[in-house]
Amino acid sequence: MLDGPYTIYHALAGGVLIGLASFLASFVTGKIPGISGVCARLLIPATPDKLWRLTFMIGLIAGAGIAFSSLSAAAIYRPQSSVWVTALAALLVGIGTRVGGGCTSGHGVCGIGLGAKDSLIATCTFMAFGILTVYLTHHLIA
């Protein structure tokens, strides 16, 4: 299941692991582990709980690195744009998460899991604009 062609089981395993990790992080810290909030608060000098935030971010990056280096199914997920387009997209996502009060992991995984109506609205907005962006970049701009 972990190697070879990408299947629905890869997505299922990833979803279960994300859900369990989010639950565990919430249970241990008492905080919602949205990536934008975890990362943003690492940059604030007065943040008292930097250790778990740093551990969370290192684990996130290391897990992706391990997956990309060890699973042949991950080979299909390589950058499709230049470094500059990717950097601009990252900047816009960062701005959007601050304006939207959180990111897809905070709202989509944790917020919806907790039954927050604003998280449902935020996640629907993220998805709608993601679909629109893909449509524009693949059909009108390209």
C-alpha atoms as a PDB file:
ATOM      1  CA  MET A   1       0.000   0.000   0.000  1.00  0.00           C
ATOM      2  CA  LEU A   2       2.806   2.446   0.708  1.00  0.00           C
ATOM      3  CA  ASP A   3       4.617   2.102  -2.596  1.00  0.00           C
ATOM      4  CA  GLY A   4       3.620   1.732  -6.214  1.00  0.00           C
ATOM      5  CA  PRO A   5       0.818   3.527  -8.040  1.00  0.00           C
ATOM      6  CA  TYR A   6      -1.172   6.093  -6.083  1.00  0.00           C
ATOM      7  CA  THR A   7      -4.508   4.686  -4.910  1.00  0.00           C
ATOM      8  CA  ILE A   8      -7.454   5.741  -2.793  1.00  0.00           C
ATOM      9  CA  TYR A   9      -5.773   3.902   0.084  1.00  0.00           C
ATOM     10  CA  HIS A  10      -2.915   6.419   0.095  1.00  0.00           C
ATOM     11  CA  ALA A  11      -5.443   9.234   0.544  1.00  0.00           C
ATOM     12  CA  LEU A  12      -7.332   7.260   3.191  1.00  0.00           C
ATOM     13  CA  ALA A  13      -4.152   6.515   5.146  1.00  0.00           C
ATOM     14  CA  GLY A  14      -3.065  10.161   4.883  1.00  0.00           C
ATOM     15  CA  GLY A  15      -6.457  11.412   6.046  1.00  0.00           C
ATOM     16  CA  VAL A  16      -6.503   9.053   9.026  1.00  0.00           C
ATOM     17  CA  LEU A  17      -2.957  10.048  10.006  1.00  0.00           C
ATOM     18  CA  ILE A  18      -3.760  13.765   9.688  1.00  0.00           C
ATOM     19  CA  GLY A  19      -6.870  13.328  11.824  1.00  0.00           C
ATOM     20  CA  LEU A  20      -5.034  11.337  14.491  1.00  0.00           C
ATOM     21  CA  ALA A  21      -2.106  13.764  14.559  1.00  0.00           C
ATOM     22  CA  SER A  22      -4.472  16.743  14.850  1.00  0.00           C
ATOM     23  CA  PHE A  23      -6.386  15.060  17.670  1.00  0.00           C
ATOM     24  CA  LEU A  24      -3.162  14.178  19.483  1.00  0.00           C
ATOM     25  CA  ALA A  25      -1.734  17.693  19.074  1.00  0.00           C
ATOM     26  CA  SER A  26      -4.996  19.245  20.319  1.00  0.00           C
ATOM     27  CA  PHE A  27      -5.194  16.831  23.241  1.00  0.00           C
ATOM     28  CA  VAL A  28      -1.577  17.318  24.334  1.00  0.00           C
ATOM     29  CA  THR A  29      -1.380  21.106  23.896  1.00  0.00           C
ATOM     30  CA  GLY A  30      -5.005  22.183  24.285  1.00  0.00           C
ATOM     31  CA  LYS A  31      -4.577  24.262  21.137  1.00  0.00           C
ATOM     32  CA  ILE A  32      -5.809  23.866  17.556  1.00  0.00           C
ATOM     33  CA  PRO A  33      -2.780  22.860  15.447  1.00  0.00           C
ATOM     34  CA  GLY A  34      -3.420  24.967  12.356  1.00  0.00           C
ATOM     35  CA  ILE A  35      -0.189  25.278  10.414  1.00  0.00           C
ATOM     36  CA  SER A  36      -0.421  29.042   9.861  1.00  0.00           C
ATOM     37  CA  GLY A  37      -0.944  29.733  13.563  1.00  0.00           C
ATOM     38  CA  VAL A  38       1.752  27.296  14.649  1.00  0.00           C
ATOM     39  CA  CYS A  39       4.241  28.823  12.216  1.00  0.00           C
ATOM     40  CA  ALA A  40       3.273  32.476  12.779  1.00  0.00           C
ATOM     41  CA  ARG A  41       3.640  32.202  16.544  1.00  0.00           C
ATOM     42  CA  LEU A  42       7.141  30.775  16.132  1.00  0.00           C
ATOM     43  CA  LEU A  43       8.106  34.185  14.763  1.00  0.00           C
ATOM     44  CA  ILE A  44       6.794  36.074  17.809  1.00  0.00           C
ATOM     45  CA  PRO A  45       9.563  36.446  20.416  1.00  0.00           C
ATOM     46  CA  ALA A  46       7.201  36.413  23.434  1.00  0.00           C
ATOM     47  CA  THR A  47       5.565  33.073  22.534  1.00  0.00           C
ATOM     48  CA  PRO A  48       6.088  30.834  25.589  1.00  0.00           C
ATOM     49  CA  ASP A  49       5.314  27.470  23.963  1.00  0.00           C
ATOM     50  CA  LYS A  50       7.798  27.422  21.098  1.00  0.00           C
ATOM     51  CA  LEU A  51       9.121  23.896  21.710  1.00  0.00           C
ATOM     52  CA  TRP A  52       5.989  22.003  20.677  1.00  0.00           C
ATOM     53  CA  ARG A  53       5.455  24.403  17.757  1.00  0.00           C
ATOM     54  CA  LEU A  54       8.996  23.861  16.512  1.00  0.00           C
ATOM     55  CA  THR A  55       8.682  20.095  16.984  1.00  0.00           C
ATOM     56  CA  PHE A  56       5.386  20.124  15.053  1.00  0.00           C
ATOM     57  CA  MET A  57       6.900  22.079  12.131  1.00  0.00           C
ATOM     58  CA  ILE A  58      10.057  19.919  12.012  1.00  0.00           C
ATOM     59  CA  GLY A  59       7.892  16.787  11.989  1.00  0.00           C
ATOM     60  CA  LEU A  60       5.743  18.205   9.206  1.00  0.00           C
ATOM     61  CA  ILE A  61       8.747  18.990   7.020  1.00  0.00           C
ATOM     62  CA  ALA A  62      10.602  15.771   7.891  1.00  0.00           C
ATOM     63  CA  GLY A  63       7.519  13.658   7.188  1.00  0.00           C
ATOM     64  CA  ALA A  64       7.133  15.208   3.744  1.00  0.00           C
ATOM     65  CA  GLY A  65      10.835  14.712   3.067  1.00  0.00           C
ATOM     66  CA  ILE A  66      10.668  11.051   4.063  1.00  0.00           C
ATOM     67  CA  ALA A  67       7.591  10.467   1.924  1.00  0.00           C
ATOM     68  CA  PHE A  68       9.071  12.164  -1.141  1.00  0.00           C
ATOM     69  CA  SER A  69      12.377  10.341  -0.838  1.00  0.00           C
ATOM     70  CA  SER A  70      11.013   6.872  -0.105  1.00  0.00           C
ATOM     71  CA  LEU A  71       7.700   6.458  -1.945  1.00  0.00           C
ATOM     72  CA  SER A  72       7.628   6.105  -5.699  1.00  0.00           C
ATOM     73  CA  ALA A  73       3.980   7.232  -5.703  1.00  0.00           C
ATOM     74  CA  ALA A  74       5.157  10.663  -4.489  1.00  0.00           C
ATOM     75  CA  ALA A  75       7.154  11.181  -7.700  1.00  0.00           C
ATOM     76  CA  ILE A  76       4.062  12.464  -9.509  1.00  0.00           C
ATOM     77  CA  TYR A  77       3.838  15.375  -7.057  1.00  0.00           C
ATOM     78  CA  ARG A  78       6.697  17.537  -8.243  1.00  0.00           C
ATOM     79  CA  PRO A  79       6.605  21.326  -8.702  1.00  0.00           C
ATOM     80  CA  GLN A  80       4.769  22.340 -11.856  1.00  0.00           C
ATOM     81  CA  SER A  81       5.789  25.999 -11.701  1.00  0.00           C
ATOM     82  CA  SER A  82       8.959  28.018 -11.351  1.00  0.00           C
ATOM     83  CA  VAL A  83      10.410  28.865  -7.965  1.00  0.00           C
ATOM     84  CA  TRP A  84       9.154  32.467  -8.370  1.00  0.00           C
ATOM     85  CA  VAL A  85       5.571  31.440  -9.102  1.00  0.00           C
ATOM     86  CA  THR A  86       5.683  29.027  -6.168  1.00  0.00           C
ATOM     87  CA  ALA A  87       7.093  31.746  -3.876  1.00  0.00           C
ATOM     88  CA  LEU A  88       4.390  34.208  -4.979  1.00  0.00           C
ATOM     89  CA  ALA A  89       1.717  31.565  -4.380  1.00  0.00           C
ATOM     90  CA  ALA A  90       3.135  30.874  -0.906  1.00  0.00           C
ATOM     91  CA  LEU A  91       3.104  34.580  -0.086  1.00  0.00           C
ATOM     92  CA  LEU A  92      -0.518  34.911  -1.201  1.00  0.00           C
ATOM     93  CA  VAL A  93      -1.498  31.827   0.803  1.00  0.00           C
ATOM     94  CA  GLY A  94       0.252  33.288   3.863  1.00  0.00           C
ATOM     95  CA  ILE A  95      -1.613  36.576   3.495  1.00  0.00           C
ATOM     96  CA  GLY A  96      -4.878  34.714   2.958  1.00  0.00           C
ATOM     97  CA  THR A  97      -4.447  32.640   6.104  1.00  0.00           C
ATOM     98  CA  ARG A  98      -3.931  35.755   8.205  1.00  0.00           C
ATOM     99  CA  VAL A  99      -6.926  37.525   6.633  1.00  0.00           C
ATOM    100  CA  GLY A 100      -9.075  34.385   6.909  1.00  0.00           C
ATOM    101  CA  GLY A 101      -8.142  33.764  10.533  1.00  0.00           C
ATOM    102  CA  GLY A 102      -6.485  30.434   9.807  1.00  0.00           C
ATOM    103  CA  CYS A 103      -5.543  27.906   7.178  1.00  0.00           C
ATOM    104  CA  THR A 104      -7.042  24.763   5.699  1.00  0.00           C
ATOM    105  CA  SER A 105      -5.566  22.582   8.425  1.00  0.00           C
ATOM    106  CA  GLY A 106      -6.867  24.759  11.248  1.00  0.00           C
ATOM    107  CA  HIS A 107     -10.292  25.355   9.737  1.00  0.00           C
ATOM    108  CA  GLY A 108     -10.715  22.286   7.524  1.00  0.00           C
ATOM    109  CA  VAL A 109      -9.370  19.558   9.765  1.00  0.00           C
ATOM    110  CA  CYS A 110      -9.695  20.894  13.311  1.00  0.00           C
ATOM    111  CA  GLY A 111     -12.412  23.539  13.054  1.00  0.00           C
ATOM    112  CA  ILE A 112     -14.889  21.424  11.117  1.00  0.00           C
ATOM    113  CA  GLY A 113     -14.053  18.489  13.387  1.00  0.00           C
ATOM    114  CA  LEU A 114     -15.068  20.657  16.333  1.00  0.00           C
ATOM    115  CA  GLY A 115     -18.278  21.756  14.579  1.00  0.00           C
ATOM    116  CA  ALA A 116     -17.297  25.419  14.084  1.00  0.00           C
ATOM    117  CA  LYS A 117     -19.585  27.116  11.552  1.00  0.00           C
ATOM    118  CA  ASP A 118     -16.979  29.749  10.663  1.00  0.00           C
ATOM    119  CA  SER A 119     -14.556  26.934   9.826  1.00  0.00           C
ATOM    120  CA  LEU A 120     -17.100  25.375   7.476  1.00  0.00           C
ATOM    121  CA  ILE A 121     -17.553  28.727   5.717  1.00  0.00           C
ATOM    122  CA  ALA A 122     -13.781  29.323   5.568  1.00  0.00           C
ATOM    123  CA  THR A 123     -13.121  25.835   4.171  1.00  0.00           C
ATOM    124  CA  CYS A 124     -15.817  26.222   1.502  1.00  0.00           C
ATOM    125  CA  THR A 125     -14.253  29.575   0.570  1.00  0.00           C
ATOM    126  CA  PHE A 126     -10.752  28.025   0.369  1.00  0.00           C
ATOM    127  CA  MET A 127     -12.059  25.243  -1.860  1.00  0.00           C
ATOM    128  CA  ALA A 128     -14.013  27.576  -4.137  1.00  0.00           C
ATOM    129  CA  PHE A 129     -11.034  29.860  -4.687  1.00  0.00           C
ATOM    130  CA  GLY A 130      -8.726  26.872  -5.145  1.00  0.00           C
ATOM    131  CA  ILE A 131     -11.005  25.509  -7.866  1.00  0.00           C
ATOM    132  CA  LEU A 132     -11.230  28.960  -9.472  1.00  0.00           C
ATOM    133  CA  THR A 133      -7.440  29.374  -9.380  1.00  0.00           C
ATOM    134  CA  VAL A 134      -6.842  26.002 -11.027  1.00  0.00           C
ATOM    135  CA  TYR A 135      -9.422  26.783 -13.690  1.00  0.00           C
ATOM    136  CA  LEU A 136      -7.912  30.195 -14.425  1.00  0.00           C
ATOM    137  CA  THR A 137      -4.316  29.005 -14.492  1.00  0.00           C
ATOM    138  CA  HIS A 138      -5.039  25.961 -16.648  1.00  0.00           C
ATOM    139  CA  HIS A 139      -7.696  27.273 -19.029  1.00  0.00           C
ATOM    140  CA  LEU A 140      -7.573  31.045 -19.340  1.00  0.00           C
ATOM    141  CA  ILE A 141      -4.041  32.158 -18.466  1.00  0.00           C
ATOM    142  CA  ALA A 142      -2.021  29.251 -19.861  1.00  0.00           C
END
